[in-house]
Amino acid sequence: MDVLTTSARIKARCKAQKISVKNLLEQTQINRNFIYDLEKGGQIPSAEKLERIADYLDCSVDYLLGRTDNPAVNR
């Protein structure tokens, strides 16, 4: 897992949706240092956190993980 890709994609989705990262983390009840910890390599995100973030940002977990370049969710 490339945590830098995950971090960059979370930030990009926030920017595209005009949502601050801080607001995203508050709304998903994730520690405010989450992105910082990802970027310094100190944290591998849990599936639960990735799912909450993906749901909030209306994208797939696979997109956040860099497995696809298509953010669309297959429902």
PDB file of N, CA and C in Angstrom:
ATOM      1  N   MET A   1       0.850  -1.173   0.000  1.00  0.00           N
ATOM      2  CA  MET A   1       0.000   0.000   0.000  1.00  0.00           C
ATOM      3  C   MET A   1       0.896   1.237   0.000  1.00  0.00           C
ATOM      4  N   ASP A   2       0.608   2.139  -0.917  1.00  0.00           N
ATOM      5  CA  ASP A   2       1.343   3.405  -0.989  1.00  0.00           C
ATOM      6  C   ASP A   2       0.547   4.460  -0.231  1.00  0.00           C
ATOM      7  N   VAL A   3       0.944   4.706   1.006  1.00  0.00           N
ATOM      8  CA  VAL A   3       0.188   5.639   1.841  1.00  0.00           C
ATOM      9  C   VAL A   3       0.262   7.072   1.327  1.00  0.00           C
ATOM     10  N   LEU A   4       1.314   7.410   0.594  1.00  0.00           N
ATOM     11  CA  LEU A   4       1.399   8.759   0.025  1.00  0.00           C
ATOM     12  C   LEU A   4       0.348   8.957  -1.066  1.00  0.00           C
ATOM     13  N   THR A   5       0.093   7.926  -1.848  1.00  0.00           N
ATOM     14  CA  THR A   5      -0.970   7.993  -2.849  1.00  0.00           C
ATOM     15  C   THR A   5      -2.314   8.160  -2.152  1.00  0.00           C
ATOM     16  N   THR A   6      -2.534   7.397  -1.109  1.00  0.00           N
ATOM     17  CA  THR A   6      -3.789   7.486  -0.364  1.00  0.00           C
ATOM     18  C   THR A   6      -3.981   8.887   0.192  1.00  0.00           C
ATOM     19  N   SER A   7      -2.959   9.432   0.803  1.00  0.00           N
ATOM     20  CA  SER A   7      -3.025  10.780   1.351  1.00  0.00           C
ATOM     21  C   SER A   7      -3.315  11.814   0.263  1.00  0.00           C
ATOM     22  N   ALA A   8      -2.612  11.708  -0.853  1.00  0.00           N
ATOM     23  CA  ALA A   8      -2.794  12.663  -1.950  1.00  0.00           C
ATOM     24  C   ALA A   8      -4.209  12.577  -2.521  1.00  0.00           C
ATOM     25  N   ARG A   9      -4.738  11.386  -2.628  1.00  0.00           N
ATOM     26  CA  ARG A   9      -6.080  11.229  -3.188  1.00  0.00           C
ATOM     27  C   ARG A   9      -7.152  11.736  -2.235  1.00  0.00           C
ATOM     28  N   ILE A  10      -6.957  11.535  -0.946  1.00  0.00           N
ATOM     29  CA  ILE A  10      -7.901  12.084   0.034  1.00  0.00           C
ATOM     30  C   ILE A  10      -7.909  13.605  -0.080  1.00  0.00           C
ATOM     31  N   LYS A  11      -6.731  14.207  -0.125  1.00  0.00           N
ATOM     32  CA  LYS A  11      -6.641  15.666  -0.234  1.00  0.00           C
ATOM     33  C   LYS A  11      -7.257  16.175  -1.535  1.00  0.00           C
ATOM     34  N   ALA A  12      -7.015  15.467  -2.628  1.00  0.00           N
ATOM     35  CA  ALA A  12      -7.551  15.888  -3.928  1.00  0.00           C
ATOM     36  C   ALA A  12      -9.077  15.820  -3.935  1.00  0.00           C
ATOM     37  N   ARG A  13      -9.639  14.752  -3.375  1.00  0.00           N
ATOM     38  CA  ARG A  13     -11.104  14.635  -3.323  1.00  0.00           C
ATOM     39  C   ARG A  13     -11.709  15.727  -2.442  1.00  0.00           C
ATOM     40  N   CYS A  14     -11.048  16.026  -1.340  1.00  0.00           N
ATOM     41  CA  CYS A  14     -11.519  17.110  -0.473  1.00  0.00           C
ATOM     42  C   CYS A  14     -11.518  18.429  -1.241  1.00  0.00           C
ATOM     43  N   LYS A  15     -10.434  18.706  -1.925  1.00  0.00           N
ATOM     44  CA  LYS A  15     -10.316  19.955  -2.672  1.00  0.00           C
ATOM     45  C   LYS A  15     -11.381  20.037  -3.760  1.00  0.00           C
ATOM     46  N   ALA A  16     -11.586  18.951  -4.494  1.00  0.00           N
ATOM     47  CA  ALA A  16     -12.574  18.928  -5.569  1.00  0.00           C
ATOM     48  C   ALA A  16     -13.994  19.162  -5.044  1.00  0.00           C
ATOM     49  N   GLN A  17     -14.237  18.706  -3.827  1.00  0.00           N
ATOM     50  CA  GLN A  17     -15.572  18.853  -3.243  1.00  0.00           C
ATOM     51  C   GLN A  17     -15.675  20.052  -2.312  1.00  0.00           C
ATOM     52  N   LYS A  18     -14.595  20.831  -2.258  1.00  0.00           N
ATOM     53  CA  LYS A  18     -14.560  22.038  -1.408  1.00  0.00           C
ATOM     54  C   LYS A  18     -14.846  21.699   0.062  1.00  0.00           C
ATOM     55  N   ILE A  19     -14.192  20.640   0.501  1.00  0.00           N
ATOM     56  CA  ILE A  19     -14.287  20.180   1.890  1.00  0.00           C
ATOM     57  C   ILE A  19     -12.885  20.261   2.475  1.00  0.00           C
ATOM     58  N   SER A  20     -12.757  20.812   3.653  1.00  0.00           N
ATOM     59  CA  SER A  20     -11.434  20.828   4.273  1.00  0.00           C
ATOM     60  C   SER A  20     -11.124  19.442   4.819  1.00  0.00           C
ATOM     61  N   VAL A  21      -9.839  19.115   4.851  1.00  0.00           N
ATOM     62  CA  VAL A  21      -9.419  17.833   5.418  1.00  0.00           C
ATOM     63  C   VAL A  21      -9.840  17.775   6.881  1.00  0.00           C
ATOM     64  N   LYS A  22      -9.722  18.901   7.563  1.00  0.00           N
ATOM     65  CA  LYS A  22     -10.119  18.958   8.968  1.00  0.00           C
ATOM     66  C   LYS A  22     -11.596  18.601   9.124  1.00  0.00           C
ATOM     67  N   ASN A  23     -12.440  19.159   8.260  1.00  0.00           N
ATOM     68  CA  ASN A  23     -13.873  18.854   8.315  1.00  0.00           C
ATOM     69  C   ASN A  23     -14.138  17.385   8.011  1.00  0.00           C
ATOM     70  N   LEU A  24     -13.459  16.854   7.001  1.00  0.00           N
ATOM     71  CA  LEU A  24     -13.595  15.432   6.670  1.00  0.00           C
ATOM     72  C   LEU A  24     -13.303  14.568   7.894  1.00  0.00           C
ATOM     73  N   LEU A  25     -12.189  14.841   8.541  1.00  0.00           N
ATOM     74  CA  LEU A  25     -11.779  14.024   9.685  1.00  0.00           C
ATOM     75  C   LEU A  25     -12.745  14.183  10.858  1.00  0.00           C
ATOM     76  N   GLU A  26     -13.247  15.396  11.066  1.00  0.00           N
ATOM     77  CA  GLU A  26     -14.234  15.596  12.127  1.00  0.00           C
ATOM     78  C   GLU A  26     -15.519  14.830  11.831  1.00  0.00           C
ATOM     79  N   GLN A  27     -16.005  14.943  10.599  1.00  0.00           N
ATOM     80  CA  GLN A  27     -17.272  14.306  10.227  1.00  0.00           C
ATOM     81  C   GLN A  27     -17.184  12.777  10.235  1.00  0.00           C
ATOM     82  N   THR A  28     -16.002  12.247   9.979  1.00  0.00           N
ATOM     83  CA  THR A  28     -15.835  10.792   9.972  1.00  0.00           C
ATOM     84  C   THR A  28     -15.291  10.273  11.305  1.00  0.00           C
ATOM     85  N   GLN A  29     -15.120  11.180  12.251  1.00  0.00           N
ATOM     86  CA  GLN A  29     -14.647  10.844  13.594  1.00  0.00           C
ATOM     87  C   GLN A  29     -13.304  10.118  13.567  1.00  0.00           C
ATOM     88  N   ILE A  30     -12.385  10.682  12.777  1.00  0.00           N
ATOM     89  CA  ILE A  30     -11.030  10.152  12.665  1.00  0.00           C
ATOM     90  C   ILE A  30     -10.073  11.182  13.247  1.00  0.00           C
ATOM     91  N   ASN A  31      -9.048  10.716  13.932  1.00  0.00           N
ATOM     92  CA  ASN A  31      -8.058  11.576  14.565  1.00  0.00           C
ATOM     93  C   ASN A  31      -7.552  12.645  13.608  1.00  0.00           C
ATOM     94  N   ARG A  32      -7.439  13.860  14.100  1.00  0.00           N
ATOM     95  CA  ARG A  32      -7.040  14.984  13.238  1.00  0.00           C
ATOM     96  C   ARG A  32      -5.619  14.870  12.717  1.00  0.00           C
ATOM     97  N   ASN A  33      -4.809  14.000  13.278  1.00  0.00           N
ATOM     98  CA  ASN A  33      -3.438  13.799  12.807  1.00  0.00           C
ATOM     99  C   ASN A  33      -3.332  12.675  11.772  1.00  0.00           C
ATOM    100  N   PHE A  34      -4.452  12.129  11.357  1.00  0.00           N
ATOM    101  CA  PHE A  34      -4.478  10.982  10.463  1.00  0.00           C
ATOM    102  C   PHE A  34      -3.660  11.208   9.187  1.00  0.00           C
ATOM    103  N   ILE A  35      -3.890  12.309   8.496  1.00  0.00           N
ATOM    104  CA  ILE A  35      -3.192  12.586   7.237  1.00  0.00           C
ATOM    105  C   ILE A  35      -1.700  12.763   7.491  1.00  0.00           C
ATOM    106  N   TYR A  36      -1.364  13.513   8.527  1.00  0.00           N
ATOM    107  CA  TYR A  36       0.042  13.706   8.874  1.00  0.00           C
ATOM    108  C   TYR A  36       0.712  12.362   9.150  1.00  0.00           C
ATOM    109  N   ASP A  37       0.049  11.519   9.903  1.00  0.00           N
ATOM    110  CA  ASP A  37       0.606  10.199  10.220  1.00  0.00           C
ATOM    111  C   ASP A  37       0.779   9.344   8.967  1.00  0.00           C
ATOM    112  N   LEU A  38      -0.172   9.446   8.030  1.00  0.00           N
ATOM    113  CA  LEU A  38      -0.031   8.726   6.762  1.00  0.00           C
ATOM    114  C   LEU A  38       1.225   9.187   6.033  1.00  0.00           C
ATOM    115  N   GLU A  39       1.387  10.494   5.941  1.00  0.00           N
ATOM    116  CA  GLU A  39       2.478  11.054   5.154  1.00  0.00           C
ATOM    117  C   GLU A  39       3.852  10.754   5.739  1.00  0.00           C
ATOM    118  N   LYS A  40       3.933  10.646   7.042  1.00  0.00           N
ATOM    119  CA  LYS A  40       5.237  10.331   7.630  1.00  0.00           C
ATOM    120  C   LYS A  40       5.469   8.823   7.723  1.00  0.00           C
ATOM    121  N   GLY A  41       4.483   8.059   7.254  1.00  0.00           N
ATOM    122  CA  GLY A  41       4.626   6.607   7.234  1.00  0.00           C
ATOM    123  C   GLY A  41       4.389   5.941   8.565  1.00  0.00           C
ATOM    124  N   GLY A  42       3.829   6.670   9.495  1.00  0.00           N
ATOM    125  CA  GLY A  42       3.624   6.134  10.828  1.00  0.00           C
ATOM    126  C   GLY A  42       2.324   5.400  11.019  1.00  0.00           C
ATOM    127  N   GLN A  43       1.472   5.401   9.994  1.00  0.00           N
ATOM    128  CA  GLN A  43       0.166   4.780  10.162  1.00  0.00           C
ATOM    129  C   GLN A  43      -0.296   4.144   8.861  1.00  0.00           C
ATOM    130  N   ILE A  44      -0.731   2.921   8.962  1.00  0.00           N
ATOM    131  CA  ILE A  44      -1.403   2.245   7.850  1.00  0.00           C
ATOM    132  C   ILE A  44      -2.889   2.347   8.184  1.00  0.00           C
ATOM    133  N   PRO A  45      -3.685   2.928   7.293  1.00  0.00           N
ATOM    134  CA  PRO A  45      -5.094   3.110   7.624  1.00  0.00           C
ATOM    135  C   PRO A  45      -5.859   1.794   7.686  1.00  0.00           C
ATOM    136  N   SER A  46      -6.759   1.723   8.634  1.00  0.00           N
ATOM    137  CA  SER A  46      -7.595   0.520   8.745  1.00  0.00           C
ATOM    138  C   SER A  46      -8.648   0.533   7.644  1.00  0.00           C
ATOM    139  N   ALA A  47      -9.172  -0.632   7.357  1.00  0.00           N
ATOM    140  CA  ALA A  47     -10.241  -0.749   6.359  1.00  0.00           C
ATOM    141  C   ALA A  47     -11.445   0.078   6.773  1.00  0.00           C
ATOM    142  N   GLU A  48     -11.733   0.099   8.068  1.00  0.00           N
ATOM    143  CA  GLU A  48     -12.880   0.857   8.571  1.00  0.00           C
ATOM    144  C   GLU A  48     -12.702   2.353   8.303  1.00  0.00           C
ATOM    145  N   LYS A  49     -11.521   2.886   8.573  1.00  0.00           N
ATOM    146  CA  LYS A  49     -11.282   4.315   8.329  1.00  0.00           C
ATOM    147  C   LYS A  49     -11.361   4.639   6.847  1.00  0.00           C
ATOM    148  N   LEU A  50     -10.766   3.793   6.031  1.00  0.00           N
ATOM    149  CA  LEU A  50     -10.820   4.032   4.586  1.00  0.00           C
ATOM    150  C   LEU A  50     -12.253   3.996   4.079  1.00  0.00           C
ATOM    151  N   GLU A  51     -13.046   3.092   4.605  1.00  0.00           N
ATOM    152  CA  GLU A  51     -14.441   2.995   4.185  1.00  0.00           C
ATOM    153  C   GLU A  51     -15.215   4.249   4.586  1.00  0.00           C
ATOM    154  N   ARG A  52     -15.002   4.732   5.811  1.00  0.00           N
ATOM    155  CA  ARG A  52     -15.685   5.957   6.252  1.00  0.00           C
ATOM    156  C   ARG A  52     -15.298   7.149   5.385  1.00  0.00           C
ATOM    157  N   ILE A  53     -14.006   7.264   5.080  1.00  0.00           N
ATOM    158  CA  ILE A  53     -13.531   8.367   4.250  1.00  0.00           C
ATOM    159  C   ILE A  53     -14.105   8.253   2.837  1.00  0.00           C
ATOM    160  N   ALA A  54     -14.043   7.070   2.257  1.00  0.00           N
ATOM    161  CA  ALA A  54     -14.558   6.863   0.903  1.00  0.00           C
ATOM    162  C   ALA A  54     -16.052   7.173   0.833  1.00  0.00           C
ATOM    163  N   ASP A  55     -16.805   6.732   1.814  1.00  0.00           N
ATOM    164  CA  ASP A  55     -18.240   7.021   1.843  1.00  0.00           C
ATOM    165  C   ASP A  55     -18.492   8.525   1.904  1.00  0.00           C
ATOM    166  N   TYR A  56     -17.762   9.206   2.749  1.00  0.00           N
ATOM    167  CA  TYR A  56     -17.946  10.650   2.908  1.00  0.00           C
ATOM    168  C   TYR A  56     -17.559  11.401   1.635  1.00  0.00           C
ATOM    169  N   LEU A  57     -16.506  10.948   0.974  1.00  0.00           N
ATOM    170  CA  LEU A  57     -16.022  11.614  -0.240  1.00  0.00           C
ATOM    171  C   LEU A  57     -16.667  11.069  -1.513  1.00  0.00           C
ATOM    172  N   ASP A  58     -17.594  10.137  -1.363  1.00  0.00           N
ATOM    173  CA  ASP A  58     -18.309   9.535  -2.486  1.00  0.00           C
ATOM    174  C   ASP A  58     -17.343   8.991  -3.540  1.00  0.00           C
ATOM    175  N   CYS A  59     -16.441   8.148  -3.074  1.00  0.00           N
ATOM    176  CA  CYS A  59     -15.511   7.475  -3.973  1.00  0.00           C
ATOM    177  C   CYS A  59     -15.267   6.069  -3.441  1.00  0.00           C
ATOM    178  N   SER A  60     -14.563   5.278  -4.205  1.00  0.00           N
ATOM    179  CA  SER A  60     -14.302   3.906  -3.773  1.00  0.00           C
ATOM    180  C   SER A  60     -13.018   3.833  -2.936  1.00  0.00           C
ATOM    181  N   VAL A  61     -12.961   2.825  -2.098  1.00  0.00           N
ATOM    182  CA  VAL A  61     -11.740   2.566  -1.337  1.00  0.00           C
ATOM    183  C   VAL A  61     -10.608   2.227  -2.306  1.00  0.00           C
ATOM    184  N   ASP A  62     -10.925   1.493  -3.361  1.00  0.00           N
ATOM    185  CA  ASP A  62      -9.903   1.164  -4.359  1.00  0.00           C
ATOM    186  C   ASP A  62      -9.277   2.418  -4.955  1.00  0.00           C
ATOM    187  N   TYR A  63     -10.080   3.443  -5.177  1.00  0.00           N
ATOM    188  CA  TYR A  63      -9.547   4.712  -5.679  1.00  0.00           C
ATOM    189  C   TYR A  63      -8.580   5.327  -4.661  1.00  0.00           C
ATOM    190  N   LEU A  64      -8.985   5.359  -3.409  1.00  0.00           N
ATOM    191  CA  LEU A  64      -8.118   5.934  -2.371  1.00  0.00           C
ATOM    192  C   LEU A  64      -6.807   5.173  -2.258  1.00  0.00           C
ATOM    193  N   LEU A  65      -6.850   3.872  -2.482  1.00  0.00           N
ATOM    194  CA  LEU A  65      -5.652   3.049  -2.376  1.00  0.00           C
ATOM    195  C   LEU A  65      -4.785   3.073  -3.630  1.00  0.00           C
ATOM    196  N   GLY A  66      -5.282   3.705  -4.689  1.00  0.00           N
ATOM    197  CA  GLY A  66      -4.512   3.781  -5.923  1.00  0.00           C
ATOM    198  C   GLY A  66      -4.656   2.560  -6.810  1.00  0.00           C
ATOM    199  N   ARG A  67      -5.652   1.735  -6.540  1.00  0.00           N
ATOM    200  CA  ARG A  67      -5.881   0.529  -7.344  1.00  0.00           C
ATOM    201  C   ARG A  67      -6.612   0.830  -8.647  1.00  0.00           C
ATOM    202  N   THR A  68      -7.255   1.987  -8.702  1.00  0.00           N
ATOM    203  CA  THR A  68      -7.950   2.435  -9.902  1.00  0.00           C
ATOM    204  C   THR A  68      -7.865   3.951  -9.961  1.00  0.00           C
ATOM    205  N   ASP A  69      -7.953   4.473 -11.168  1.00  0.00           N
ATOM    206  CA  ASP A  69      -7.963   5.927 -11.330  1.00  0.00           C
ATOM    207  C   ASP A  69      -9.381   6.467 -11.441  1.00  0.00           C
ATOM    208  N   ASN A  70     -10.354   5.586 -11.376  1.00  0.00           N
ATOM    209  CA  ASN A  70     -11.749   5.973 -11.457  1.00  0.00           C
ATOM    210  C   ASN A  70     -12.318   6.058 -10.040  1.00  0.00           C
ATOM    211  N   PRO A  71     -12.698   7.259  -9.595  1.00  0.00           N
ATOM    212  CA  PRO A  71     -13.212   7.381  -8.234  1.00  0.00           C
ATOM    213  C   PRO A  71     -14.640   6.880  -8.042  1.00  0.00           C
ATOM    214  N   ALA A  72     -15.333   6.555  -9.127  1.00  0.00           N
ATOM    215  CA  ALA A  72     -16.737   6.156  -9.039  1.00  0.00           C
ATOM    216  C   ALA A  72     -16.920   4.916  -8.173  1.00  0.00           C
ATOM    217  N   VAL A  73     -18.019   4.931  -7.464  1.00  0.00           N
ATOM    218  CA  VAL A  73     -18.373   3.802  -6.610  1.00  0.00           C
ATOM    219  C   VAL A  73     -19.292   2.888  -7.394  1.00  0.00           C
ATOM    220  N   ASN A  74     -18.981   1.606  -7.430  1.00  0.00           N
ATOM    221  CA  ASN A  74     -19.864   0.619  -8.073  1.00  0.00           C
ATOM    222  C   ASN A  74     -20.860   0.132  -7.043  1.00  0.00           C
ATOM    223  N   ARG A  75     -22.117   0.474  -7.255  1.00  0.00           N
ATOM    224  CA  ARG A  75     -23.153   0.091  -6.277  1.00  0.00           C
ATOM    225  C   ARG A  75     -24.109  -0.878  -6.873  1.00  0.00           C
TER     226      ARG A  75
END
